Amino acid sequence: AKQILAKYAKIKVDTIISSELQFSSDIIEPKSTLIAISQSGESADVLEAVSIAKKEKCKIISIVNSLTSSLARESDIIIGMNCGPEIGVAATKSFTSQIIVIYKIVEEICNGKFEIDYKEISKSISKILENHDQIRKIAKEIKEISDIYVLGRGIHYPIAIESALKLKELTYIHAEGIAGGELKHGPLALMDSNVFVIIINPNDSTYSDTLTSAREIKARGAKIIGISDEKSEVYDYWIEIPKTGELVYPISETIPIQLLSYYAAIEKDTDPDYPRNLAKSVTVK
């Protein structure tokens, strides 16, 4: 959201984890707007962040799936995700919906200067869902490992973070999202033959640099899972995604990792809908 709003809408944007706003409320400037994103609209941390922002006279825009939630009632503007009930603890379809809502907000702000082909998004997702065989195969390979890293660059880095979260939640495997440009500032020391690394690398403006990062990782013995519309010899496993416009890729590349997390959970005989120690709506701090 930060990258899209800043690049196309030319708006200064700060992103912050809701539970951290209480320690950083000084970043709120006069006439600021807080966009609060929550599937349930009942998460205690999000509601507390909204309360803090309202005391600073912020306008509150909520992107929320439950239109009768506490968050919706506290908001000046409510934008529904409209994706139906999210039953499982791990957010999947609601995460996809959140991205699309952000795109729609930017479209409205840009007044026709920014356009997304939503039919292309639908076709891309449908294509990925046609065949899960390769993803099932990879799930069998990762079920016993201890560490997975997910690397993305530019607009794909937030997807790497979200992907690592899904793997943690569903498989109980330690997973970490890495910014491609930060590889040599620490993460490269972790790469060896016991590690799998998912490389999010569609053929866009980030492709060449990310492929270089993949080669550096491969040279240290790690196994590479490439998520891309371009096959490369550096990938030990390749999950193909359709060729699309650059802004559609974040959605296209999310779906395979959600599926990989699901199938790995099945292989490990864990419950993908109700991960241990987690709740659907975190209503306490």
C-alpha atoms as a PDB file:
ATOM      1  CA  ALA A   1       0.000   0.000   0.000  1.00  0.00           C
ATOM      2  CA  LYS A   2       2.797   2.418   0.893  1.00  0.00           C
ATOM      3  CA  GLN A   3       4.639   1.875  -2.382  1.00  0.00           C
ATOM      4  CA  ILE A   4       1.544   2.158  -4.568  1.00  0.00           C
ATOM      5  CA  LEU A   5       0.150   5.240  -2.808  1.00  0.00           C
ATOM      6  CA  ALA A   6       3.512   7.008  -2.781  1.00  0.00           C
ATOM      7  CA  LYS A   7       4.447   6.185  -6.380  1.00  0.00           C
ATOM      8  CA  TYR A   8       1.147   6.763  -8.141  1.00  0.00           C
ATOM      9  CA  ALA A   9      -0.932   8.984  -5.852  1.00  0.00           C
ATOM     10  CA  LYS A  10       2.118  11.051  -4.765  1.00  0.00           C
ATOM     11  CA  ILE A  11       1.010  10.929  -1.130  1.00  0.00           C
ATOM     12  CA  LYS A  12       3.406  10.759   1.799  1.00  0.00           C
ATOM     13  CA  VAL A  13       2.717   7.444   3.501  1.00  0.00           C
ATOM     14  CA  ASP A  14       4.031   5.858   6.691  1.00  0.00           C
ATOM     15  CA  THR A  15       3.245   2.233   7.444  1.00  0.00           C
ATOM     16  CA  ILE A  16       3.251   0.957  10.988  1.00  0.00           C
ATOM     17  CA  ILE A  17       2.273  -2.213  12.806  1.00  0.00           C
ATOM     18  CA  SER A  18      -0.863  -1.321  14.747  1.00  0.00           C
ATOM     19  CA  SER A  19       0.570  -2.445  18.083  1.00  0.00           C
ATOM     20  CA  GLU A  20       3.534  -0.082  17.606  1.00  0.00           C
ATOM     21  CA  LEU A  21       1.584   3.146  17.048  1.00  0.00           C
ATOM     22  CA  GLN A  22       1.349   3.792  20.788  1.00  0.00           C
ATOM     23  CA  PHE A  23       5.141   4.191  20.805  1.00  0.00           C
ATOM     24  CA  SER A  24       5.272   6.311  17.634  1.00  0.00           C
ATOM     25  CA  SER A  25       2.245   8.593  17.807  1.00  0.00           C
ATOM     26  CA  ASP A  26       4.507  11.588  17.155  1.00  0.00           C
ATOM     27  CA  ILE A  27       4.587  10.603  13.467  1.00  0.00           C
ATOM     28  CA  ILE A  28       0.949  11.726  13.166  1.00  0.00           C
ATOM     29  CA  GLU A  29       0.818  15.133  11.501  1.00  0.00           C
ATOM     30  CA  PRO A  30      -2.082  17.617  11.293  1.00  0.00           C
ATOM     31  CA  LYS A  31      -4.719  16.619   8.726  1.00  0.00           C
ATOM     32  CA  SER A  32      -3.412  13.053   8.600  1.00  0.00           C
ATOM     33  CA  THR A  33      -5.562  10.093   7.625  1.00  0.00           C
ATOM     34  CA  LEU A  34      -5.209   6.638   9.140  1.00  0.00           C
ATOM     35  CA  ILE A  35      -6.089   3.674   6.930  1.00  0.00           C
ATOM     36  CA  ALA A  36      -6.829   0.800   9.310  1.00  0.00           C
ATOM     37  CA  ILE A  37      -6.855  -2.651   7.724  1.00  0.00           C
ATOM     38  CA  SER A  38      -8.486  -5.552   9.555  1.00  0.00           C
ATOM     39  CA  GLN A  39     -10.403  -8.606   8.411  1.00  0.00           C
ATOM     40  CA  SER A  40     -12.477  -8.934  11.580  1.00  0.00           C
ATOM     41  CA  GLY A  41     -12.511  -5.317  12.690  1.00  0.00           C
ATOM     42  CA  GLU A  42     -12.167  -6.524  16.281  1.00  0.00           C
ATOM     43  CA  SER A  43      -8.391  -6.804  16.746  1.00  0.00           C
ATOM     44  CA  ALA A  44      -7.447  -5.021  19.965  1.00  0.00           C
ATOM     45  CA  ASP A  45      -4.216  -3.573  18.569  1.00  0.00           C
ATOM     46  CA  VAL A  46      -5.973  -2.058  15.555  1.00  0.00           C
ATOM     47  CA  LEU A  47      -8.733  -0.565  17.679  1.00  0.00           C
ATOM     48  CA  GLU A  48      -6.192   0.949  20.058  1.00  0.00           C
ATOM     49  CA  ALA A  49      -4.302   2.474  17.114  1.00  0.00           C
ATOM     50  CA  VAL A  50      -7.551   3.996  15.849  1.00  0.00           C
ATOM     51  CA  SER A  51      -8.257   5.438  19.299  1.00  0.00           C
ATOM     52  CA  ILE A  52      -4.802   7.040  19.403  1.00  0.00           C
ATOM     53  CA  ALA A  53      -5.218   8.469  15.895  1.00  0.00           C
ATOM     54  CA  LYS A  54      -8.664   9.903  16.680  1.00  0.00           C
ATOM     55  CA  LYS A  55      -7.221  11.755  19.671  1.00  0.00           C
ATOM     56  CA  GLU A  56      -4.825  13.378  17.190  1.00  0.00           C
ATOM     57  CA  LYS A  57      -7.812  14.423  15.028  1.00  0.00           C
ATOM     58  CA  CYS A  58      -7.067  11.918  12.273  1.00  0.00           C
ATOM     59  CA  LYS A  59      -9.693  10.913   9.752  1.00  0.00           C
ATOM     60  CA  ILE A  60     -10.173   7.143   9.940  1.00  0.00           C
ATOM     61  CA  ILE A  61     -10.645   5.028   6.825  1.00  0.00           C
ATOM     62  CA  SER A  62     -11.178   1.345   7.517  1.00  0.00           C
ATOM     63  CA  ILE A  63     -10.688  -1.509   5.080  1.00  0.00           C
ATOM     64  CA  VAL A  64     -12.628  -4.239   6.829  1.00  0.00           C
ATOM     65  CA  ASN A  65     -14.502  -7.424   6.017  1.00  0.00           C
ATOM     66  CA  SER A  66     -17.039  -7.229   8.848  1.00  0.00           C
ATOM     67  CA  LEU A  67     -19.116  -4.109   8.250  1.00  0.00           C
ATOM     68  CA  THR A  68     -20.789  -4.365  11.667  1.00  0.00           C
ATOM     69  CA  SER A  69     -17.501  -4.552  13.578  1.00  0.00           C
ATOM     70  CA  SER A  70     -16.116  -2.211  16.220  1.00  0.00           C
ATOM     71  CA  LEU A  71     -13.619  -0.850  13.692  1.00  0.00           C
ATOM     72  CA  ALA A  72     -16.384   0.005  11.244  1.00  0.00           C
ATOM     73  CA  ARG A  73     -18.261   1.901  13.960  1.00  0.00           C
ATOM     74  CA  GLU A  74     -15.156   3.930  14.840  1.00  0.00           C
ATOM     75  CA  SER A  75     -14.417   4.886  11.218  1.00  0.00           C
ATOM     76  CA  ASP A  76     -15.281   7.986   9.228  1.00  0.00           C
ATOM     77  CA  ILE A  77     -15.201   6.014   5.984  1.00  0.00           C
ATOM     78  CA  ILE A  78     -15.741   2.254   5.683  1.00  0.00           C
ATOM     79  CA  ILE A  79     -14.570   0.238   2.675  1.00  0.00           C
ATOM     80  CA  GLY A  80     -15.755  -3.355   2.709  1.00  0.00           C
ATOM     81  CA  MET A  81     -13.555  -6.186   1.488  1.00  0.00           C
ATOM     82  CA  ASN A  82     -16.697  -8.017   0.363  1.00  0.00           C
ATOM     83  CA  CYS A  83     -14.899 -11.362   0.162  1.00  0.00           C
ATOM     84  CA  GLY A  84     -17.270 -13.413   2.308  1.00  0.00           C
ATOM     85  CA  PRO A  85     -16.520 -14.978   5.693  1.00  0.00           C
ATOM     86  CA  GLU A  86     -12.865 -15.840   6.310  1.00  0.00           C
ATOM     87  CA  ILE A  87     -13.218 -19.037   8.342  1.00  0.00           C
ATOM     88  CA  GLY A  88      -9.594 -20.083   8.755  1.00  0.00           C
ATOM     89  CA  VAL A  89      -7.290 -18.293  11.184  1.00  0.00           C
ATOM     90  CA  ALA A  90      -4.744 -17.486   8.470  1.00  0.00           C
ATOM     91  CA  ALA A  91      -6.011 -14.707   6.198  1.00  0.00           C
ATOM     92  CA  THR A  92      -5.897 -15.690   2.519  1.00  0.00           C
ATOM     93  CA  LYS A  93      -8.754 -14.356   0.399  1.00  0.00           C
ATOM     94  CA  SER A  94      -9.092 -11.316   2.667  1.00  0.00           C
ATOM     95  CA  PHE A  95      -5.426 -10.462   2.079  1.00  0.00           C
ATOM     96  CA  THR A  96      -5.999 -10.579  -1.681  1.00  0.00           C
ATOM     97  CA  SER A  97      -9.071  -8.397  -1.254  1.00  0.00           C
ATOM     98  CA  GLN A  98      -7.089  -5.861   0.769  1.00  0.00           C
ATOM     99  CA  ILE A  99      -4.613  -5.415  -2.090  1.00  0.00           C
ATOM    100  CA  ILE A 100      -7.419  -4.902  -4.592  1.00  0.00           C
ATOM    101  CA  VAL A 101      -9.132  -2.334  -2.351  1.00  0.00           C
ATOM    102  CA  ILE A 102      -5.861  -0.401  -2.095  1.00  0.00           C
ATOM    103  CA  TYR A 103      -5.634  -0.428  -5.895  1.00  0.00           C
ATOM    104  CA  LYS A 104      -9.182   0.939  -6.125  1.00  0.00           C
ATOM    105  CA  ILE A 105      -8.366   3.729  -3.673  1.00  0.00           C
ATOM    106  CA  VAL A 106      -5.351   4.752  -5.755  1.00  0.00           C
ATOM    107  CA  GLU A 107      -7.456   4.634  -8.936  1.00  0.00           C
ATOM    108  CA  GLU A 108      -9.939   7.065  -7.417  1.00  0.00           C
ATOM    109  CA  ILE A 109      -7.222   9.413  -6.178  1.00  0.00           C
ATOM    110  CA  CYS A 110      -5.450   9.400  -9.540  1.00  0.00           C
ATOM    111  CA  ASN A 111      -8.677  10.059 -11.458  1.00  0.00           C
ATOM    112  CA  GLY A 112      -7.954   7.832 -14.451  1.00  0.00           C
ATOM    113  CA  LYS A 113      -4.154   8.154 -14.487  1.00  0.00           C
ATOM    114  CA  PHE A 114      -3.744   4.795 -12.743  1.00  0.00           C
ATOM    115  CA  GLU A 115      -5.684   1.803 -13.988  1.00  0.00           C
ATOM    116  CA  ILE A 116      -5.694  -1.875 -13.072  1.00  0.00           C
ATOM    117  CA  ASP A 117      -7.057  -4.592 -15.341  1.00  0.00           C
ATOM    118  CA  TYR A 118      -9.205  -6.543 -12.889  1.00  0.00           C
ATOM    119  CA  LYS A 119     -10.132  -9.114 -15.523  1.00  0.00           C
ATOM    120  CA  GLU A 120      -6.421  -9.824 -15.875  1.00  0.00           C
ATOM    121  CA  ILE A 121      -6.213 -10.408 -12.115  1.00  0.00           C
ATOM    122  CA  SER A 122      -9.133 -12.844 -12.253  1.00  0.00           C
ATOM    123  CA  LYS A 123      -7.673 -14.742 -15.215  1.00  0.00           C
ATOM    124  CA  SER A 124      -4.263 -14.930 -13.557  1.00  0.00           C
ATOM    125  CA  ILE A 125      -5.672 -16.388 -10.330  1.00  0.00           C
ATOM    126  CA  SER A 126      -7.823 -18.885 -12.244  1.00  0.00           C
ATOM    127  CA  LYS A 127      -4.787 -20.035 -14.238  1.00  0.00           C
ATOM    128  CA  ILE A 128      -2.753 -20.645 -11.080  1.00  0.00           C
ATOM    129  CA  LEU A 129      -5.601 -22.612  -9.496  1.00  0.00           C
ATOM    130  CA  GLU A 130      -5.922 -24.959 -12.479  1.00  0.00           C
ATOM    131  CA  ASN A 131      -3.016 -27.206 -11.464  1.00  0.00           C
ATOM    132  CA  HIS A 132      -1.495 -27.706  -8.019  1.00  0.00           C
ATOM    133  CA  ASP A 133       0.748 -30.691  -8.864  1.00  0.00           C
ATOM    134  CA  GLN A 134       4.075 -28.843  -8.738  1.00  0.00           C
ATOM    135  CA  ILE A 135       3.123 -27.075  -5.518  1.00  0.00           C
ATOM    136  CA  ARG A 136       2.122 -30.401  -3.918  1.00  0.00           C
ATOM    137  CA  LYS A 137       5.497 -31.861  -4.925  1.00  0.00           C
ATOM    138  CA  ILE A 138       7.396 -28.976  -3.333  1.00  0.00           C
ATOM    139  CA  ALA A 139       5.285 -29.243  -0.172  1.00  0.00           C
ATOM    140  CA  LYS A 140       6.572 -32.797   0.300  1.00  0.00           C
ATOM    141  CA  GLU A 141      10.153 -31.509  -0.010  1.00  0.00           C
ATOM    142  CA  ILE A 142       9.847 -28.771   2.600  1.00  0.00           C
ATOM    143  CA  LYS A 143       7.806 -30.558   5.258  1.00  0.00           C
ATOM    144  CA  GLU A 144      10.842 -31.658   7.312  1.00  0.00           C
ATOM    145  CA  ILE A 145      13.014 -28.559   7.021  1.00  0.00           C
ATOM    146  CA  SER A 146      13.570 -26.039   9.801  1.00  0.00           C
ATOM    147  CA  ASP A 147      14.116 -22.779   7.915  1.00  0.00           C
ATOM    148  CA  ILE A 148      12.612 -21.098   4.857  1.00  0.00           C
ATOM    149  CA  TYR A 149      13.450 -17.627   3.631  1.00  0.00           C
ATOM    150  CA  VAL A 150      11.328 -15.669   1.168  1.00  0.00           C
ATOM    151  CA  LEU A 151      13.095 -13.020  -0.891  1.00  0.00           C
ATOM    152  CA  GLY A 152      11.424 -10.186  -2.762  1.00  0.00           C
ATOM    153  CA  ARG A 153      12.502  -6.825  -4.094  1.00  0.00           C
ATOM    154  CA  GLY A 154      10.576  -3.578  -4.527  1.00  0.00           C
ATOM    155  CA  ILE A 155       6.833  -4.157  -4.638  1.00  0.00           C
ATOM    156  CA  HIS A 156       7.458  -7.864  -4.020  1.00  0.00           C
ATOM    157  CA  TYR A 157       9.139  -7.411  -0.622  1.00  0.00           C
ATOM    158  CA  PRO A 158       5.836  -6.887   1.249  1.00  0.00           C
ATOM    159  CA  ILE A 159       4.594 -10.084  -0.403  1.00  0.00           C
ATOM    160  CA  ALA A 160       7.703 -11.887   0.861  1.00  0.00           C
ATOM    161  CA  ILE A 161       6.879 -10.795   4.416  1.00  0.00           C
ATOM    162  CA  GLU A 162       3.245 -11.898   4.094  1.00  0.00           C
ATOM    163  CA  SER A 163       4.327 -15.210   2.540  1.00  0.00           C
ATOM    164  CA  ALA A 164       6.705 -15.933   5.414  1.00  0.00           C
ATOM    165  CA  LEU A 165       3.868 -15.253   7.847  1.00  0.00           C
ATOM    166  CA  LYS A 166       1.609 -17.769   6.097  1.00  0.00           C
ATOM    167  CA  LEU A 167       4.326 -20.428   6.190  1.00  0.00           C
ATOM    168  CA  LYS A 168       4.885 -19.822   9.907  1.00  0.00           C
ATOM    169  CA  GLU A 169       1.191 -19.921  10.745  1.00  0.00           C
ATOM    170  CA  LEU A 170       0.277 -23.043   8.796  1.00  0.00           C
ATOM    171  CA  THR A 171       3.437 -25.188   8.838  1.00  0.00           C
ATOM    172  CA  TYR A 172       5.227 -24.141  12.068  1.00  0.00           C
ATOM    173  CA  ILE A 173       8.418 -23.817  10.022  1.00  0.00           C
ATOM    174  CA  HIS A 174      10.589 -20.823  10.843  1.00  0.00           C
ATOM    175  CA  ALA A 175      10.131 -18.464   7.892  1.00  0.00           C
ATOM    176  CA  GLU A 176      11.471 -14.977   7.268  1.00  0.00           C
ATOM    177  CA  GLY A 177      10.888 -12.403   4.541  1.00  0.00           C
ATOM    178  CA  ILE A 178      14.029 -10.786   3.128  1.00  0.00           C
ATOM    179  CA  ALA A 179      14.427  -7.622   1.054  1.00  0.00           C
ATOM    180  CA  GLY A 180      16.570  -8.500  -1.955  1.00  0.00           C
ATOM    181  CA  GLY A 181      18.891  -5.553  -1.489  1.00  0.00           C
ATOM    182  CA  GLU A 182      19.569  -6.532   2.130  1.00  0.00           C
ATOM    183  CA  LEU A 183      20.855 -10.023   1.340  1.00  0.00           C
ATOM    184  CA  LYS A 184      24.506  -9.108   1.868  1.00  0.00           C
ATOM    185  CA  HIS A 185      23.746  -7.254   5.099  1.00  0.00           C
ATOM    186  CA  GLY A 186      23.230 -10.389   7.174  1.00  0.00           C
ATOM    187  CA  PRO A 187      20.858 -12.935   5.601  1.00  0.00           C
ATOM    188  CA  LEU A 188      23.523 -14.367   3.274  1.00  0.00           C
ATOM    189  CA  ALA A 189      25.313 -15.737   6.362  1.00  0.00           C
ATOM    190  CA  LEU A 190      22.309 -18.010   6.977  1.00  0.00           C
ATOM    191  CA  MET A 191      22.400 -19.709   3.594  1.00  0.00           C
ATOM    192  CA  ASP A 192      23.564 -23.326   3.448  1.00  0.00           C
ATOM    193  CA  SER A 193      22.438 -26.749   2.229  1.00  0.00           C
ATOM    194  CA  ASN A 194      19.842 -27.071   5.003  1.00  0.00           C
ATOM    195  CA  VAL A 195      17.873 -24.028   3.855  1.00  0.00           C
ATOM    196  CA  PHE A 196      15.134 -23.475   1.268  1.00  0.00           C
ATOM    197  CA  VAL A 197      14.698 -20.001  -0.213  1.00  0.00           C
ATOM    198  CA  ILE A 198      11.604 -18.890  -2.111  1.00  0.00           C
ATOM    199  CA  ILE A 199      12.545 -16.281  -4.711  1.00  0.00           C
ATOM    200  CA  ILE A 200       9.649 -14.048  -5.791  1.00  0.00           C
ATOM    201  CA  ASN A 201      10.857 -12.988  -9.205  1.00  0.00           C
ATOM    202  CA  PRO A 202       8.383 -12.100 -11.965  1.00  0.00           C
ATOM    203  CA  ASN A 203       9.866 -10.661 -15.132  1.00  0.00           C
ATOM    204  CA  ASP A 204       9.468  -6.984 -14.308  1.00  0.00           C
ATOM    205  CA  SER A 205      11.836  -4.151 -13.371  1.00  0.00           C
ATOM    206  CA  THR A 206      13.191  -6.145 -10.402  1.00  0.00           C
ATOM    207  CA  TYR A 207      13.903  -9.361 -12.329  1.00  0.00           C
ATOM    208  CA  SER A 208      17.602  -9.068 -13.137  1.00  0.00           C
ATOM    209  CA  ASP A 209      18.741  -7.955  -9.685  1.00  0.00           C
ATOM    210  CA  THR A 210      16.643 -10.611  -7.972  1.00  0.00           C
ATOM    211  CA  LEU A 211      18.051 -13.325 -10.231  1.00  0.00           C
ATOM    212  CA  THR A 212      21.547 -12.212  -9.220  1.00  0.00           C
ATOM    213  CA  SER A 213      20.538 -12.589  -5.565  1.00  0.00           C
ATOM    214  CA  ALA A 214      19.212 -16.085  -6.303  1.00  0.00           C
ATOM    215  CA  ARG A 215      22.557 -17.091  -7.811  1.00  0.00           C
ATOM    216  CA  GLU A 216      24.409 -15.820  -4.746  1.00  0.00           C
ATOM    217  CA  ILE A 217      22.141 -17.911  -2.528  1.00  0.00           C
ATOM    218  CA  LYS A 218      22.482 -20.990  -4.744  1.00  0.00           C
ATOM    219  CA  ALA A 219      26.275 -20.713  -4.573  1.00  0.00           C
ATOM    220  CA  ARG A 220      26.006 -21.236  -0.788  1.00  0.00           C
ATOM    221  CA  GLY A 221      24.165 -24.520  -1.274  1.00  0.00           C
ATOM    222  CA  ALA A 222      20.601 -23.483  -0.482  1.00  0.00           C
ATOM    223  CA  LYS A 223      17.676 -24.932  -2.427  1.00  0.00           C
ATOM    224  CA  ILE A 224      15.838 -22.367  -4.563  1.00  0.00           C
ATOM    225  CA  ILE A 225      12.091 -22.265  -5.215  1.00  0.00           C
ATOM    226  CA  GLY A 226      11.431 -19.740  -7.968  1.00  0.00           C
ATOM    227  CA  ILE A 227       8.038 -18.066  -8.338  1.00  0.00           C
ATOM    228  CA  SER A 228       8.175 -16.439 -11.730  1.00  0.00           C
ATOM    229  CA  ASP A 229       6.795 -16.280 -15.239  1.00  0.00           C
ATOM    230  CA  GLU A 230      10.339 -16.993 -16.506  1.00  0.00           C
ATOM    231  CA  LYS A 231      12.123 -20.302 -15.973  1.00  0.00           C
ATOM    232  CA  SER A 232      15.768 -20.162 -14.887  1.00  0.00           C
ATOM    233  CA  GLU A 233      18.485 -22.733 -14.360  1.00  0.00           C
ATOM    234  CA  VAL A 234      19.092 -21.314 -10.891  1.00  0.00           C
ATOM    235  CA  TYR A 235      15.751 -22.628  -9.614  1.00  0.00           C
ATOM    236  CA  ASP A 236      15.723 -26.123  -8.118  1.00  0.00           C
ATOM    237  CA  TYR A 237      11.935 -25.897  -8.228  1.00  0.00           C
ATOM    238  CA  TRP A 238       9.885 -23.562 -10.394  1.00  0.00           C
ATOM    239  CA  ILE A 239       6.315 -22.450  -9.722  1.00  0.00           C
ATOM    240  CA  GLU A 240       5.098 -20.770 -12.880  1.00  0.00           C
ATOM    241  CA  ILE A 241       2.806 -17.762 -12.701  1.00  0.00           C
ATOM    242  CA  PRO A 242       1.153 -16.120 -15.726  1.00  0.00           C
ATOM    243  CA  LYS A 243       2.745 -13.142 -17.453  1.00  0.00           C
ATOM    244  CA  THR A 244       0.806 -10.052 -16.407  1.00  0.00           C
ATOM    245  CA  GLY A 245       1.153  -6.337 -15.917  1.00  0.00           C
ATOM    246  CA  GLU A 246       3.630  -5.368 -13.195  1.00  0.00           C
ATOM    247  CA  LEU A 247       0.966  -4.348 -10.685  1.00  0.00           C
ATOM    248  CA  VAL A 248      -0.915  -7.645 -11.027  1.00  0.00           C
ATOM    249  CA  TYR A 249       2.105  -9.718  -9.994  1.00  0.00           C
ATOM    250  CA  PRO A 250       1.761  -9.116  -6.222  1.00  0.00           C
ATOM    251  CA  ILE A 251      -1.591 -10.897  -6.314  1.00  0.00           C
ATOM    252  CA  SER A 252      -0.467 -13.632  -8.726  1.00  0.00           C
ATOM    253  CA  GLU A 253       2.591 -14.514  -6.641  1.00  0.00           C
ATOM    254  CA  THR A 254       0.659 -14.597  -3.353  1.00  0.00           C
ATOM    255  CA  ILE A 255      -1.640 -17.458  -4.363  1.00  0.00           C
ATOM    256  CA  PRO A 256       1.079 -20.127  -4.935  1.00  0.00           C
ATOM    257  CA  ILE A 257       2.623 -19.503  -1.519  1.00  0.00           C
ATOM    258  CA  GLN A 258      -0.769 -19.720   0.155  1.00  0.00           C
ATOM    259  CA  LEU A 259      -1.241 -23.079  -1.580  1.00  0.00           C
ATOM    260  CA  LEU A 260       2.275 -24.205  -0.670  1.00  0.00           C
ATOM    261  CA  SER A 261       1.623 -23.352   2.978  1.00  0.00           C
ATOM    262  CA  TYR A 262      -1.651 -25.274   2.862  1.00  0.00           C
ATOM    263  CA  TYR A 263      -0.216 -28.413   1.276  1.00  0.00           C
ATOM    264  CA  ALA A 264       2.842 -28.386   3.539  1.00  0.00           C
ATOM    265  CA  ALA A 265       0.489 -28.234   6.532  1.00  0.00           C
ATOM    266  CA  ILE A 266      -1.381 -31.256   5.177  1.00  0.00           C
ATOM    267  CA  GLU A 267       1.925 -33.109   4.701  1.00  0.00           C
ATOM    268  CA  LYS A 268       2.890 -32.313   8.294  1.00  0.00           C
ATOM    269  CA  ASP A 269      -0.556 -33.386   9.526  1.00  0.00           C
ATOM    270  CA  THR A 270      -1.300 -30.000  11.060  1.00  0.00           C
ATOM    271  CA  ASP A 271      -4.635 -28.198  10.841  1.00  0.00           C
ATOM    272  CA  PRO A 272      -4.334 -25.425   8.216  1.00  0.00           C
ATOM    273  CA  ASP A 273      -7.577 -23.797   9.366  1.00  0.00           C
ATOM    274  CA  TYR A 274      -6.769 -23.640  13.070  1.00  0.00           C
ATOM    275  CA  PRO A 275      -3.016 -23.329  13.749  1.00  0.00           C
ATOM    276  CA  ARG A 276      -1.910 -24.001  17.297  1.00  0.00           C
ATOM    277  CA  ASN A 277      -1.769 -21.108  19.789  1.00  0.00           C
ATOM    278  CA  LEU A 278      -3.452 -18.660  17.379  1.00  0.00           C
ATOM    279  CA  ALA A 279      -6.901 -17.072  17.274  1.00  0.00           C
ATOM    280  CA  LYS A 280      -8.894 -15.725  14.356  1.00  0.00           C
ATOM    281  CA  SER A 281      -9.451 -12.358  15.985  1.00  0.00           C
ATOM    282  CA  VAL A 282      -6.902 -11.181  18.549  1.00  0.00           C
ATOM    283  CA  THR A 283      -9.183  -9.284  20.898  1.00  0.00           C
ATOM    284  CA  VAL A 284      -6.698  -8.975  23.773  1.00  0.00           C
ATOM    285  CA  LYS A 285      -3.317  -7.263  23.855  1.00  0.00           C
END
